[in-house]
Protein backbone atom coordinates (compact mmCIF):
# COMPACT_ATOMS: atom_id res chain seq x y z
CA MET A 1 -0.19 0.12 0.10
CA THR A 2 1.42 3.26 -1.04
CA THR A 3 0.90 6.54 0.59
CA ALA A 4 0.41 10.06 -1.37
CA PRO A 5 3.26 12.37 -1.00
CA PRO A 6 2.75 15.22 1.22
CA LEU A 7 1.33 18.68 -0.44
CA PRO A 8 3.86 21.20 -0.99
CA PRO A 9 3.07 24.35 1.04
CA PRO A 10 0.87 26.94 -0.58
CA SER A 11 3.00 29.55 -2.85
CA ASN A 12 1.12 32.47 -1.50
CA PRO A 13 0.64 31.96 2.43
CA LEU A 14 -2.38 33.87 4.06
CA SER A 15 -1.60 37.47 4.51
CA PHE A 16 -3.18 40.85 4.59
CA PRO A 17 -2.67 44.29 2.88
CA PRO A 18 -1.72 46.66 5.41
CA ALA A 19 -5.15 48.68 5.31
CA THR A 20 -6.71 45.57 6.09
CA PHE A 21 -4.14 44.59 9.14
CA GLN A 22 -4.65 47.77 10.35
CA LYS A 23 -8.37 47.81 10.40
CA LEU A 24 -8.60 44.35 11.93
CA ALA A 25 -5.74 44.81 14.68
CA PRO A 26 -5.26 48.53 15.27
CA LYS A 27 -3.09 48.18 18.09
CA THR A 28 -0.74 45.44 17.10
CA PHE A 29 -0.58 47.10 13.70
CA LEU A 30 1.04 50.26 15.35
CA GLU A 31 3.14 48.18 17.77
CA ARG A 32 4.80 46.19 14.93
CA HIS A 33 5.52 49.64 13.48
CA LEU A 34 7.29 50.89 16.52
CA GLN A 35 9.02 47.56 17.03
CA SER A 36 10.99 48.02 13.73
CA THR A 37 14.41 49.55 13.40
CA PRO A 38 14.32 52.37 13.45
CA ALA A 39 11.01 52.81 15.44
CA THR A 40 8.50 54.35 12.60
CA ARG A 41 4.74 54.97 12.66
CA PRO A 42 2.44 54.36 10.43
CA SER A 43 2.38 57.69 8.90
CA GLY A 44 6.35 57.22 8.36
CA ARG A 45 7.08 59.80 11.18
CA ASN A 46 9.46 58.79 13.95
CA PRO A 47 8.20 59.18 17.21
CA ASP A 48 9.31 62.44 18.27
CA THR A 49 8.39 63.83 14.81
CA PHE A 50 5.81 66.76 14.69
CA ARG A 51 3.70 67.51 11.50
CA THR A 52 5.14 70.66 9.87
CA PRO A 53 2.41 73.64 10.00
CA SER A 54 1.26 76.52 7.54
CA LEU A 55 -0.32 79.43 8.46
CA HIS A 56 -2.42 82.42 6.74
CA THR A 57 -3.94 85.08 8.22
CA ASN A 58 -6.69 87.55 7.29
CA SER A 59 -8.45 85.18 5.06
CA LEU A 60 -11.87 86.05 6.06
CA SER A 61 -13.24 89.85 5.06
CA HIS A 62 -15.77 90.15 7.20
CA ALA A 63 -14.11 89.47 10.56
CA HIS A 64 -11.82 91.53 12.66
CA GLY A 65 -9.14 88.89 12.38
CA SER A 66 -8.60 85.59 11.11
CA ALA A 67 -6.24 82.95 10.56
CA VAL A 68 -6.20 79.57 8.49
CA VAL A 69 -3.76 77.02 10.21
CA ARG A 70 -2.90 73.31 8.92
CA THR A 71 -0.82 70.53 9.91
CA GLY A 72 -0.62 67.43 7.91
CA ASP A 73 -4.26 66.81 7.12
CA THR A 74 -5.92 68.40 10.16
CA ALA A 75 -6.73 72.21 9.28
CA VAL A 76 -9.08 74.57 11.00
CA VAL A 77 -10.00 78.12 10.07
CA CYS A 78 -10.84 80.75 13.01
CA GLY A 79 -12.38 84.29 13.05
CA VAL A 80 -12.48 86.49 15.61
CA ARG A 81 -15.30 89.38 15.53
CA GLY A 82 -15.56 92.31 18.31
CA GLU A 83 -19.08 93.25 19.54
CA ILE A 84 -19.77 96.34 22.46
CA LEU A 85 -21.03 95.36 25.71
CA SER A 86 -22.34 97.91 27.78
CA LEU A 87 -21.97 98.46 31.28
CA ALA A 88 -25.45 99.42 31.95
CA THR A 89 -29.09 99.01 30.35
CA GLY A 90 -29.75 100.03 26.90
CA VAL A 91 -32.60 101.37 24.81
CA GLY A 92 -32.73 100.19 21.12
CA SER A 93 -29.09 100.80 19.92
CA ARG A 94 -28.41 103.46 22.17
CA VAL A 95 -26.18 103.13 25.35
CA VAL A 96 -27.74 104.36 28.84
CA VAL A 97 -25.06 104.44 31.58
CA LEU A 98 -26.63 103.81 34.87
CA ARG A 99 -25.74 106.44 37.34
CA SER A 100 -24.87 104.28 39.92
CA GLY A 101 -21.40 105.24 40.47
CA GLU A 102 -19.82 101.73 39.51
CA ASP A 103 -19.97 102.34 35.86
CA GLY A 104 -16.32 103.71 35.41
CA LYS A 105 -14.70 101.62 37.98
CA GLU A 106 -13.06 98.10 37.20
CA GLU A 107 -13.91 95.18 39.46
CA GLU A 108 -11.11 93.28 41.22
CA GLY A 109 -9.82 90.32 39.44
CA ASP A 110 -9.86 89.14 36.02
CA GLY A 111 -12.28 91.36 34.03
CA ILE A 112 -12.21 89.11 31.13
CA ARG A 113 -13.33 86.13 33.08
CA GLU A 114 -15.86 88.04 35.39
CA ARG A 115 -17.68 89.83 32.11
CA GLY A 116 -17.24 87.13 29.88
CA LEU A 117 -15.37 89.31 27.18
CA VAL A 118 -14.47 86.32 25.48
CA VAL A 119 -16.75 83.80 23.86
CA THR A 120 -15.16 80.48 22.27
CA ASN A 121 -16.73 78.19 20.04
CA LEU A 122 -15.53 75.04 17.80
CA GLU A 123 -17.50 73.56 15.19
CA MET A 124 -17.06 70.54 12.86
CA GLY A 125 -17.11 71.04 9.53
CA THR A 126 -19.56 69.05 6.98
CA GLY A 127 -17.03 66.34 5.67
CA CYS A 128 -14.25 67.16 7.83
CA THR A 129 -13.89 63.41 8.78
CA ARG A 130 -15.53 60.16 7.56
CA ASP A 131 -16.86 59.36 10.99
CA TYR A 132 -18.56 63.02 11.42
CA HIS A 133 -22.24 63.63 10.28
CA PRO A 134 -23.71 67.09 10.41
CA GLY A 135 -26.34 67.43 13.34
CA PRO A 136 -26.11 69.33 16.92
CA PRO A 137 -22.70 70.26 18.33
CA THR A 138 -20.94 66.88 19.36
CA ASP A 139 -19.35 65.90 22.90
CA PHE A 140 -16.05 66.28 21.29
CA ALA A 141 -16.32 69.38 19.69
CA GLN A 142 -17.92 70.95 23.11
CA ALA A 143 -15.00 69.36 24.93
CA ILE A 144 -12.36 70.96 22.64
CA THR A 145 -14.46 74.21 23.18
CA ALA A 146 -14.17 74.08 26.71
CA ARG A 147 -10.78 73.11 27.03
CA LEU A 148 -9.65 76.12 24.25
CA HIS A 149 -11.61 78.60 26.16
CA ARG A 150 -10.08 77.51 29.61
CA LEU A 151 -6.49 77.49 28.13
CA LEU A 152 -7.38 81.34 26.80
CA LEU A 153 -8.28 82.33 30.01
CA ALA A 154 -5.70 80.90 32.17
CA SER A 155 -2.95 82.14 29.97
CA LYS A 156 -4.05 85.77 30.20
CA LEU A 157 -2.67 86.40 26.75
CA ILE A 158 -5.47 89.15 26.03
CA SER A 159 -4.97 92.13 27.95
CA SER A 160 -8.49 93.62 29.35
CA GLN A 161 -7.26 97.54 29.05
CA SER A 162 -7.35 96.66 24.92
CA LEU A 163 -10.75 95.85 25.05
CA ARG A 164 -12.01 98.97 27.39
CA ILE A 165 -13.94 101.76 25.62
CA LEU A 166 -13.59 105.14 27.69
CA ASP A 167 -15.04 108.58 27.87
CA PRO A 168 -12.21 110.60 26.70
CA ASN A 169 -13.29 113.35 29.24
CA THR A 170 -13.32 111.60 32.08
CA GLU A 171 -11.25 108.18 31.36
CA LYS A 172 -13.90 106.16 33.00
CA ILE A 173 -14.79 102.72 31.66
CA LYS A 174 -18.12 102.99 29.85
CA ALA A 175 -18.16 99.81 27.60
CA TYR A 176 -16.29 97.11 26.58
CA TRP A 177 -15.17 94.92 23.18
CA VAL A 178 -16.54 91.33 23.68
CA LEU A 179 -14.37 88.92 21.33
CA TYR A 180 -16.27 86.02 19.77
CA ILE A 181 -13.92 83.38 18.37
CA ASP A 182 -15.21 80.78 16.20
CA VAL A 183 -13.32 77.90 14.97
CA VAL A 184 -14.35 75.67 12.26
CA VAL A 185 -12.38 72.31 11.47
CA ILE A 186 -12.37 71.85 7.77
CA SER A 187 -10.23 68.63 8.00
CA LEU A 188 -9.27 66.48 10.79
CA ASP A 189 -6.61 63.90 11.12
CA GLY A 190 -5.91 64.06 14.93
CA ASN A 191 -4.72 66.61 17.21
CA VAL A 192 -7.11 69.35 16.58
CA LEU A 193 -6.26 71.01 19.96
CA ASP A 194 -2.93 72.17 18.89
CA VAL A 195 -4.20 73.35 15.55
CA ALA A 196 -7.12 75.09 16.67
CA TRP A 197 -5.43 76.98 19.42
CA ALA A 198 -2.45 78.29 17.23
CA SER A 199 -5.23 79.23 14.56
CA ILE A 200 -6.87 81.22 17.81
CA LEU A 201 -3.51 83.02 18.53
CA ALA A 202 -3.00 84.02 15.03
CA ALA A 203 -6.16 85.40 14.61
CA LEU A 204 -6.24 87.25 17.88
CA ARG A 205 -2.69 88.71 16.77
CA SER A 206 -4.33 89.70 13.47
CA THR A 207 -7.40 91.32 14.77
CA ARG A 208 -7.77 95.09 14.58
CA LEU A 209 -10.86 96.52 16.37
CA PRO A 210 -12.52 100.06 15.10
CA GLN A 211 -11.29 102.95 17.49
CA ALA A 212 -14.53 103.25 19.76
CA TYR A 213 -15.22 106.17 22.31
CA TRP A 214 -18.23 107.30 24.39
CA ASP A 215 -19.89 110.19 23.20
CA GLN A 216 -21.43 112.33 25.83
CA ASP A 217 -23.78 114.07 23.92
CA ALA A 218 -25.50 111.23 22.09
CA GLU A 219 -24.95 108.83 25.04
CA SER A 220 -23.60 105.96 23.01
CA VAL A 221 -20.43 104.43 21.96
CA VAL A 222 -19.19 105.91 18.43
CA CYS A 223 -16.67 103.89 16.57
CA TYR A 224 -14.47 105.79 13.68
CA PRO A 225 -15.34 104.34 10.24
CA GLU A 226 -11.87 104.88 9.07
CA VAL A 227 -9.69 101.56 8.71
CA SER A 228 -6.43 103.77 9.28
CA ARG A 229 -7.85 104.28 13.00
CA TYR A 230 -8.36 100.40 13.90
CA LYS A 231 -6.17 99.34 16.56
CA SER A 232 -4.82 95.80 17.15
CA LEU A 233 -5.04 94.00 20.46
CA ASP A 234 -2.60 93.87 23.15
CA ILE A 235 -1.71 90.09 23.43
CA LYS A 236 1.00 89.28 26.23
CA GLY A 237 3.75 86.90 24.42
CA LEU A 238 3.06 83.45 23.08
CA ALA A 239 1.82 79.98 24.32
CA PHE A 240 1.68 77.07 22.16
CA ILE A 241 0.26 73.51 23.06
CA ALA A 242 2.06 70.29 22.06
CA SER A 243 0.22 66.97 22.59
CA PHE A 244 1.26 63.54 22.73
CA ALA A 245 -0.19 60.00 23.02
CA VAL A 246 1.42 57.35 24.92
CA ILE A 247 1.35 53.43 23.99
CA ASP A 248 2.75 50.72 26.13
CA LEU A 249 4.60 47.94 24.28
CA GLY A 250 5.59 45.86 27.29
CA ALA A 251 8.42 45.99 29.29
CA GLU A 252 10.17 43.06 27.03
CA LYS A 253 9.50 44.95 23.71
CA GLY A 254 10.93 48.52 24.79
CA GLY A 255 8.13 49.73 27.37
CA LYS A 256 6.37 52.88 26.78
CA VAL A 257 6.63 55.11 23.39
CA ILE A 258 5.70 58.86 23.28
CA LEU A 259 4.14 59.96 19.82
CA SER A 260 4.18 63.57 19.39
CA ASP A 261 1.47 65.09 17.58
CA PRO A 262 -0.82 61.92 17.11
CA ASP A 263 -3.10 61.53 14.35
CA GLU A 264 -6.13 60.24 14.22
CA PHE A 265 -5.52 56.70 13.98
CA GLU A 266 -2.96 56.98 16.67
CA GLU A 267 -5.56 58.89 18.92
CA GLY A 268 -7.90 55.94 18.46
CA VAL A 269 -5.29 53.31 19.65
CA CYS A 270 -3.49 55.12 22.46
CA GLU A 271 -5.36 55.61 25.85
CA GLU A 272 -2.73 57.70 27.54
CA ARG A 273 -2.34 61.52 26.68
CA VAL A 274 -0.21 64.23 27.58
CA MET A 275 -0.68 68.17 26.67
CA VAL A 276 2.17 70.67 27.51
CA CYS A 277 1.31 74.55 27.17
CA ALA A 278 4.92 75.99 26.42
CA LEU A 279 5.87 79.72 26.82
CA GLY A 280 8.73 81.61 25.73
CA GLY A 281 12.05 81.54 27.52
CA GLY A 282 11.67 77.67 28.32
CA LYS A 283 8.73 78.11 30.66
CA VAL A 284 5.77 76.01 30.83
CA GLY A 285 2.28 77.14 31.67
CA TRP A 286 -0.23 74.35 31.45
CA ILE A 287 0.22 70.78 31.81
CA GLU A 288 -2.40 67.95 31.24
CA LYS A 289 -1.98 64.05 32.11
CA GLY A 290 -4.71 61.42 31.58
CA GLY A 291 -5.45 58.06 30.37
CA GLY A 292 -2.99 55.89 32.65
CA VAL A 293 -0.02 56.11 35.12
CA GLY A 294 3.03 57.67 33.79
CA GLN A 295 6.83 58.25 35.15
CA VAL A 296 8.10 61.65 35.92
CA ALA A 297 10.53 61.05 32.87
CA GLU A 298 7.71 60.72 30.34
CA VAL A 299 6.36 64.18 31.28
CA VAL A 300 9.90 65.68 31.23
CA GLU A 301 10.47 64.16 27.81
CA CYS A 302 7.05 65.99 26.78
CA VAL A 303 8.14 69.28 28.30
CA HIS A 304 11.19 69.31 26.08
CA ARG A 305 9.77 68.34 22.94
CA ALA A 306 7.18 71.03 23.57
CA THR A 307 9.85 73.64 24.18
CA GLU A 308 11.29 72.77 21.06
CA ARG A 309 7.87 72.85 19.22
CA PHE A 310 7.39 76.25 20.46
CA LYS A 311 10.54 77.60 18.57
CA VAL A 312 9.11 76.14 15.49
CA TRP A 313 5.45 77.72 15.87
CA GLU A 314 7.21 81.09 16.86
CA GLN A 315 9.36 81.25 13.67
CA LEU A 316 6.23 80.62 11.76
CA PHE A 317 4.41 83.32 13.53
CA VAL A 318 7.60 85.90 12.93
CA GLU A 319 7.90 85.02 9.10
CA VAL A 320 3.81 85.56 8.84
CA LEU A 321 2.98 88.25 11.58
CA GLY A 322 6.23 89.72 11.97
CA SER A 323 6.75 89.96 15.33
CA SER A 324 7.49 87.15 18.14
CA GLY A 325 5.57 89.01 20.42
CA ARG A 326 7.45 88.02 23.53
């Protein structure tokens, strides 16, 4: 009795193209890339490499200030518009100051926060990502809006003095400018917080408000129509955000890897996040850490990368806006 010879191995063993492997096992797909020599992310970047930013200002003709910022496939447009807020009640379009004795005094504390002189909003543009569908504001958009607004108030970049409208005779404060900051995400591929913040800062630095004053005869705020009289905001220095995602490969595979400027795929895989707000002179104004237990060395590394990223943003602002503003 003879036995049949064994079958030869298949010439084409079972395999998946990278796109299919990425969808079936996203974490394993990312780990395999980071375990290669040298470690390379699916996008082709090194773990510590940020995407190159671009900046354009004054793109919106009907806003007092605007900016378009793009890093990789994440792009946002920001517009800033000023509206006048009276310190008292109004009749129609007229501003009537109450004779309470308090209308010309500045309250203690942060006037911008107390009077709500900055209103921030972020919206997701239709078609910005395949996972977004038009409708009510998403939880993601509202969370990013809250973080941007909190950072804007905590950084104290905007001087409340540049928002005051005075009586030229008494130098008393009669009204304020309120800044409405609207950010629209036109393309999303991860790390929208960094890009949205840069667009806000660039739009604020390009904002020019009409020169306004209190007219005692008309008992209202009057704005000069001449564009030559428009005034820029008093922005105190620069502050830029750098976000990071952290993935744990395991002790035997190299431990934790910090990914600078994560894209949408990496954000979906990594649960641990770090955000650093870097200031000029190597200083840090804000640090957020969540999603896991990390070592101090990880945060120190993120701070180091954030300070280097600050220099890139600063140089871009100097090239486009003409001044570092430190």
